[in-house]
Amino acid sequence: MAKLNIKPLGEKVIVKRIEADEKTAGGIFIPDAAREKPKRGVIRAIGTGRLLDDGSRGPMQLKKNDEVFFTSYAGTEIKVDSEEYLIMDESDILGVVGA
């Protein structure tokens, strides 16, 4: 995977969505139009943390390469060098896989 030249700000993270399966467990192929967008991805970059009232930064709970679940409508889709990513708030992340 190419180097991502974007640094998210504050409590934002950049996520690369993990592609959904093309067929069901029973072997039926799912057309693109009927397939839901996956709610699972891998963190590719993290911001510096939420700005606190005292001017310091709160630590990020996530780190690069964490595999995560996120809400259905989380983030803003962007395209960088023909790769699609999501930029979202850390609070849109529901959990980390294998944590």
C-alpha atoms as a PDB file:
ATOM      1  CA  MET A   1       0.000   0.000   0.000  1.00  0.00           C
ATOM      2  CA  ALA A   2       1.258   3.454  -0.928  1.00  0.00           C
ATOM      3  CA  LYS A   3       2.237   5.967   1.722  1.00  0.00           C
ATOM      4  CA  LEU A   4      -0.694   8.153   2.760  1.00  0.00           C
ATOM      5  CA  ASN A   5       0.344  11.821   2.683  1.00  0.00           C
ATOM      6  CA  ILE A   6      -2.519  13.161   4.809  1.00  0.00           C
ATOM      7  CA  LYS A   7      -2.303  14.066   8.497  1.00  0.00           C
ATOM      8  CA  PRO A   8      -5.721  14.250  10.164  1.00  0.00           C
ATOM      9  CA  LEU A   9      -6.277  17.119  12.593  1.00  0.00           C
ATOM     10  CA  GLY A  10      -7.392  16.960  16.228  1.00  0.00           C
ATOM     11  CA  GLU A  11      -9.447  13.879  17.076  1.00  0.00           C
ATOM     12  CA  LYS A  12      -9.849  12.758  13.447  1.00  0.00           C
ATOM     13  CA  VAL A  13      -8.688   9.416  12.064  1.00  0.00           C
ATOM     14  CA  ILE A  14      -8.298   8.119   8.521  1.00  0.00           C
ATOM     15  CA  VAL A  15      -9.726   4.645   7.912  1.00  0.00           C
ATOM     16  CA  LYS A  16      -9.296   2.311   4.936  1.00  0.00           C
ATOM     17  CA  ARG A  17     -12.531   0.333   4.643  1.00  0.00           C
ATOM     18  CA  ILE A  18     -12.178  -3.490   4.506  1.00  0.00           C
ATOM     19  CA  GLU A  19     -14.076  -4.691   1.446  1.00  0.00           C
ATOM     20  CA  ALA A  20     -17.232  -6.765   1.927  1.00  0.00           C
ATOM     21  CA  ASP A  21     -17.514 -10.383   0.821  1.00  0.00           C
ATOM     22  CA  GLU A  22     -18.799 -10.878  -2.701  1.00  0.00           C
ATOM     23  CA  LYS A  23     -20.818 -13.971  -1.808  1.00  0.00           C
ATOM     24  CA  THR A  24     -22.819 -15.336   1.094  1.00  0.00           C
ATOM     25  CA  ALA A  25     -21.815 -18.288   3.280  1.00  0.00           C
ATOM     26  CA  GLY A  26     -24.143 -20.398   1.098  1.00  0.00           C
ATOM     27  CA  GLY A  27     -22.225 -19.453  -2.054  1.00  0.00           C
ATOM     28  CA  ILE A  28     -24.664 -16.935  -3.541  1.00  0.00           C
ATOM     29  CA  PHE A  29     -22.951 -13.983  -5.234  1.00  0.00           C
ATOM     30  CA  ILE A  30     -24.126 -10.554  -4.058  1.00  0.00           C
ATOM     31  CA  PRO A  31     -24.281  -7.829  -6.734  1.00  0.00           C
ATOM     32  CA  ASP A  32     -22.562  -4.509  -5.950  1.00  0.00           C
ATOM     33  CA  ALA A  33     -25.880  -2.644  -5.815  1.00  0.00           C
ATOM     34  CA  ALA A  34     -27.230  -4.966  -3.089  1.00  0.00           C
ATOM     35  CA  ARG A  35     -24.055  -5.106  -1.020  1.00  0.00           C
ATOM     36  CA  GLU A  36     -23.902  -2.972   2.139  1.00  0.00           C
ATOM     37  CA  LYS A  37     -20.835  -0.861   2.674  1.00  0.00           C
ATOM     38  CA  PRO A  38     -18.628  -2.510   5.280  1.00  0.00           C
ATOM     39  CA  LYS A  39     -18.527  -1.016   8.763  1.00  0.00           C
ATOM     40  CA  ARG A  40     -15.056  -2.380   9.398  1.00  0.00           C
ATOM     41  CA  GLY A  41     -11.708  -0.919   8.480  1.00  0.00           C
ATOM     42  CA  VAL A  42      -8.070  -0.320   9.357  1.00  0.00           C
ATOM     43  CA  ILE A  43      -6.729   2.918  10.841  1.00  0.00           C
ATOM     44  CA  ARG A  44      -4.191   4.448   8.431  1.00  0.00           C
ATOM     45  CA  ALA A  45      -3.476   7.743  10.254  1.00  0.00           C
ATOM     46  CA  ILE A  46      -4.476   9.487  13.488  1.00  0.00           C
ATOM     47  CA  GLY A  47      -4.664  13.102  14.575  1.00  0.00           C
ATOM     48  CA  THR A  48      -3.004  14.705  17.578  1.00  0.00           C
ATOM     49  CA  GLY A  49      -5.988  14.246  19.935  1.00  0.00           C
ATOM     50  CA  ARG A  50      -8.914  16.277  21.211  1.00  0.00           C
ATOM     51  CA  LEU A  51      -8.134  19.791  22.418  1.00  0.00           C
ATOM     52  CA  LEU A  52      -8.979  19.998  26.124  1.00  0.00           C
ATOM     53  CA  ASP A  53     -10.202  23.067  28.043  1.00  0.00           C
ATOM     54  CA  ASP A  54      -6.753  23.656  29.535  1.00  0.00           C
ATOM     55  CA  GLY A  55      -5.149  23.798  26.068  1.00  0.00           C
ATOM     56  CA  SER A  56      -3.522  20.370  26.227  1.00  0.00           C
ATOM     57  CA  ARG A  57      -4.363  17.436  23.947  1.00  0.00           C
ATOM     58  CA  GLY A  58      -6.213  14.336  25.142  1.00  0.00           C
ATOM     59  CA  PRO A  59      -4.451  11.114  24.114  1.00  0.00           C
ATOM     60  CA  MET A  60      -5.891   9.138  21.193  1.00  0.00           C
ATOM     61  CA  GLN A  61      -7.208   5.690  22.138  1.00  0.00           C
ATOM     62  CA  LEU A  62      -6.489   4.353  18.660  1.00  0.00           C
ATOM     63  CA  LYS A  63      -3.229   3.724  16.861  1.00  0.00           C
ATOM     64  CA  LYS A  64      -2.188   3.164  13.274  1.00  0.00           C
ATOM     65  CA  ASN A  65      -3.092  -0.299  11.878  1.00  0.00           C
ATOM     66  CA  ASP A  66      -5.842  -0.965  14.469  1.00  0.00           C
ATOM     67  CA  GLU A  67      -8.719  -2.895  12.883  1.00  0.00           C
ATOM     68  CA  VAL A  68     -11.946  -1.193  13.934  1.00  0.00           C
ATOM     69  CA  PHE A  69     -15.741  -1.200  13.661  1.00  0.00           C
ATOM     70  CA  PHE A  70     -17.498   2.118  13.032  1.00  0.00           C
ATOM     71  CA  THR A  71     -21.035   3.467  12.696  1.00  0.00           C
ATOM     72  CA  SER A  72     -22.921   3.155   9.391  1.00  0.00           C
ATOM     73  CA  TYR A  73     -22.860   6.820   8.457  1.00  0.00           C
ATOM     74  CA  ALA A  74     -19.487   7.659   9.956  1.00  0.00           C
ATOM     75  CA  GLY A  75     -17.008   9.860   8.229  1.00  0.00           C
ATOM     76  CA  THR A  76     -16.466  11.605   4.952  1.00  0.00           C
ATOM     77  CA  GLU A  77     -15.305   9.603   1.959  1.00  0.00           C
ATOM     78  CA  ILE A  78     -12.177  10.853   0.207  1.00  0.00           C
ATOM     79  CA  LYS A  79     -10.079   9.533  -2.665  1.00  0.00           C
ATOM     80  CA  VAL A  80      -6.283   9.787  -2.632  1.00  0.00           C
ATOM     81  CA  ASP A  81      -4.220   8.334  -5.497  1.00  0.00           C
ATOM     82  CA  SER A  82      -7.204   6.160  -6.586  1.00  0.00           C
ATOM     83  CA  GLU A  83      -7.564   4.708  -3.039  1.00  0.00           C
ATOM     84  CA  GLU A  84     -10.752   5.395  -1.059  1.00  0.00           C
ATOM     85  CA  TYR A  85     -10.575   6.359   2.619  1.00  0.00           C
ATOM     86  CA  LEU A  86     -12.865   7.707   5.327  1.00  0.00           C
ATOM     87  CA  ILE A  87     -12.023  10.642   7.592  1.00  0.00           C
ATOM     88  CA  MET A  88     -13.990  10.420  10.840  1.00  0.00           C
ATOM     89  CA  ASP A  89     -13.986  11.428  14.480  1.00  0.00           C
ATOM     90  CA  GLU A  90     -12.439   9.024  16.943  1.00  0.00           C
ATOM     91  CA  SER A  91     -15.857   8.936  18.655  1.00  0.00           C
ATOM     92  CA  ASP A  92     -17.382   7.303  15.514  1.00  0.00           C
ATOM     93  CA  ILE A  93     -15.274   4.211  16.214  1.00  0.00           C
ATOM     94  CA  LEU A  94     -17.301   1.586  18.081  1.00  0.00           C
ATOM     95  CA  GLY A  95     -14.520  -0.834  18.943  1.00  0.00           C
ATOM     96  CA  VAL A  96     -11.140  -2.314  18.121  1.00  0.00           C
ATOM     97  CA  VAL A  97     -10.894  -5.906  16.862  1.00  0.00           C
ATOM     98  CA  GLY A  98      -8.714  -8.140  19.043  1.00  0.00           C
ATOM     99  CA  ALA A  99      -8.024  -5.442  21.631  1.00  0.00           C
END
